[in-house]
Each structure stands twice: as C-alpha cells, then as structure tokens.
C-alpha atoms as a PDB file:
ATOM      1  CA  MET A   1      26.096  35.550 -11.400  1.00  0.00           C
ATOM      2  CA  THR A   2      25.868  36.902  -7.833  1.00  0.00           C
ATOM      3  CA  VAL A   3      26.650  40.427  -8.952  1.00  0.00           C
ATOM      4  CA  GLU A   4      23.770  40.240 -11.436  1.00  0.00           C
ATOM      5  CA  ARG A   5      21.416  39.088  -8.672  1.00  0.00           C
ATOM      6  CA  VAL A   6      22.507  42.005  -6.467  1.00  0.00           C
ATOM      7  CA  ILE A   7      21.947  44.461  -9.291  1.00  0.00           C
ATOM      8  CA  HIS A   8      18.472  43.013  -9.955  1.00  0.00           C
ATOM      9  CA  LEU A   9      17.585  43.151  -6.261  1.00  0.00           C
ATOM     10  CA  ALA A  10      18.815  46.735  -5.991  1.00  0.00           C
ATOM     11  CA  MET A  11      16.816  47.741  -9.067  1.00  0.00           C
ATOM     12  CA  PHE A  12      13.698  46.064  -7.749  1.00  0.00           C
ATOM     13  CA  ILE A  13      14.005  47.722  -4.333  1.00  0.00           C
ATOM     14  CA  LEU A  14      14.657  51.176  -5.835  1.00  0.00           C
ATOM     15  CA  ILE A  15      11.700  50.834  -8.206  1.00  0.00           C
ATOM     16  CA  LEU A  16       9.433  49.749  -5.346  1.00  0.00           C
ATOM     17  CA  VAL A  17      10.579  52.560  -3.033  1.00  0.00           C
ATOM     18  CA  GLY A  18      10.171  55.179  -5.757  1.00  0.00           C
ATOM     19  CA  LEU A  19       6.722  53.980  -6.793  1.00  0.00           C
ATOM     20  CA  CYS A  20       5.669  53.689  -3.146  1.00  0.00           C
ATOM     21  CA  GLY A  21       6.657  57.305  -2.531  1.00  0.00           C
ATOM     22  CA  ILE A  22       4.847  58.520  -5.647  1.00  0.00           C
ATOM     23  CA  SER A  23       1.641  56.609  -4.931  1.00  0.00           C
ATOM     24  CA  ALA A  24       1.602  57.663  -1.273  1.00  0.00           C
ATOM     25  CA  TRP A  25       2.233  61.303  -2.166  1.00  0.00           C
ATOM     26  CA  ALA A  26      -0.443  61.294  -4.874  1.00  0.00           C
ATOM     27  CA  SER A  27      -3.010  59.643  -2.605  1.00  0.00           C
ATOM     28  CA  TYR A  28      -2.242  62.027   0.251  1.00  0.00           C
ATOM     29  CA  THR A  29      -2.265  65.135  -1.915  1.00  0.00           C
ATOM     30  CA  TYR A  30      -5.212  64.462  -4.187  1.00  0.00           C
ATOM     31  CA  ILE A  31      -7.469  62.328  -2.005  1.00  0.00           C
ATOM     32  CA  TYR A  32      -6.750  62.889   1.672  1.00  0.00           C
ATOM     33  CA  LEU A  33      -6.204  66.643   1.562  1.00  0.00           C
ATOM     34  CA  GLU A  34      -9.065  67.312  -0.854  1.00  0.00           C
ATOM     35  CA  GLN A  35     -11.705  65.085   0.726  1.00  0.00           C
ATOM     36  CA  ASP A  36     -10.273  64.324   4.172  1.00  0.00           C
ATOM     37  CA  ASN A  37     -11.104  60.626   3.714  1.00  0.00           C
ATOM     38  CA  VAL A  38      -8.524  58.234   5.195  1.00  0.00           C
ATOM     39  CA  ILE A  39     -10.269  55.071   4.041  1.00  0.00           C
ATOM     40  CA  LEU A  40     -10.302  56.215   0.416  1.00  0.00           C
ATOM     41  CA  ALA A  41      -6.609  57.172   0.582  1.00  0.00           C
ATOM     42  CA  VAL A  42      -5.611  53.764   2.021  1.00  0.00           C
ATOM     43  CA  ALA A  43      -7.732  51.935  -0.550  1.00  0.00           C
ATOM     44  CA  SER A  44      -6.171  53.889  -3.409  1.00  0.00           C
ATOM     45  CA  ILE A  45      -2.651  53.067  -2.188  1.00  0.00           C
ATOM     46  CA  ALA A  46      -3.535  49.374  -1.948  1.00  0.00           C
ATOM     47  CA  LEU A  47      -5.137  49.367  -5.396  1.00  0.00           C
ATOM     48  CA  SER A  48      -2.247  51.205  -7.013  1.00  0.00           C
ATOM     49  CA  TRP A  49       0.216  48.821  -5.410  1.00  0.00           C
ATOM     50  CA  GLY A  50      -1.668  45.819  -6.740  1.00  0.00           C
ATOM     51  CA  VAL A  51      -1.400  47.253 -10.238  1.00  0.00           C
ATOM     52  CA  ILE A  52       2.235  48.285  -9.799  1.00  0.00           C
ATOM     53  CA  LEU A  53       3.344  44.860  -8.526  1.00  0.00           C
ATOM     54  CA  SER A  54       1.415  43.100 -11.305  1.00  0.00           C
ATOM     55  CA  VAL A  55       3.101  45.214 -13.964  1.00  0.00           C
ATOM     56  CA  LEU A  56       6.547  44.733 -12.413  1.00  0.00           C
ATOM     57  CA  TYR A  57       6.013  40.980 -12.261  1.00  0.00           C
ATOM     58  CA  LEU A  58       4.950  40.835 -15.905  1.00  0.00           C
ATOM     59  CA  VAL A  59       7.881  43.002 -17.044  1.00  0.00           C
ATOM     60  CA  PHE A  60      10.437  40.947 -15.157  1.00  0.00           C
ATOM     61  CA  ARG A  61       8.848  37.741 -16.462  1.00  0.00           C
ATOM     62  CA  GLN A  62       8.993  39.016 -20.069  1.00  0.00           C
ATOM     63  CA  LEU A  63      12.678  39.856 -19.579  1.00  0.00           C
ATOM     64  CA  ASP A  64      13.284  36.286 -18.309  1.00  0.00           C
ATOM     65  CA  TRP A  65      14.784  37.498 -15.039  1.00  0.00           C
ATOM     66  CA  ASP A  66      14.435  34.429 -12.901  1.00  0.00           C
ATOM     67  CA  TRP A  67      16.223  35.774  -9.812  1.00  0.00           C
ATOM     68  CA  TRP A  68      13.332  35.624  -7.343  1.00  0.00           C
ATOM     69  CA  SER A  69      12.801  31.861  -7.531  1.00  0.00           C
END
C-alpha cells in the first residue's frame, strides 16, 4: 500500500510540474512577449492552474484514488 501511495504522489507531482511548465511557457510566449503585459500573464497562469487542478481533482476522484485524505 505504501508503494502505491508513493507512485500516486510521484505521478501527481510530475503532472503538476509538467503542466506548470507548459502553462508558464505558453503565457510567457503568447501573452507577455506579444503584449508586454505582466498582469495579464500572471492572471492567465492563475486561471489555467485553477482549471488544471479542478480537472486533476475530478479525474483522481473518478478513479477512486483516495490517497490525499
């Protein structure tokens, strides 16, 4: 059971790091460089992370992975 929890934690961390990198790169490339607007870039990262975390929560809940409680 502990090995399964470690695997789930590793998967969750890797998914978060990967999606964080993608959203930061996309916001920097397509918003900050094009319009030179820092506030819009920060807001887009926060918004995309709200959506990403909601989707991850729903997916893990549908899979009945109860490791975070």
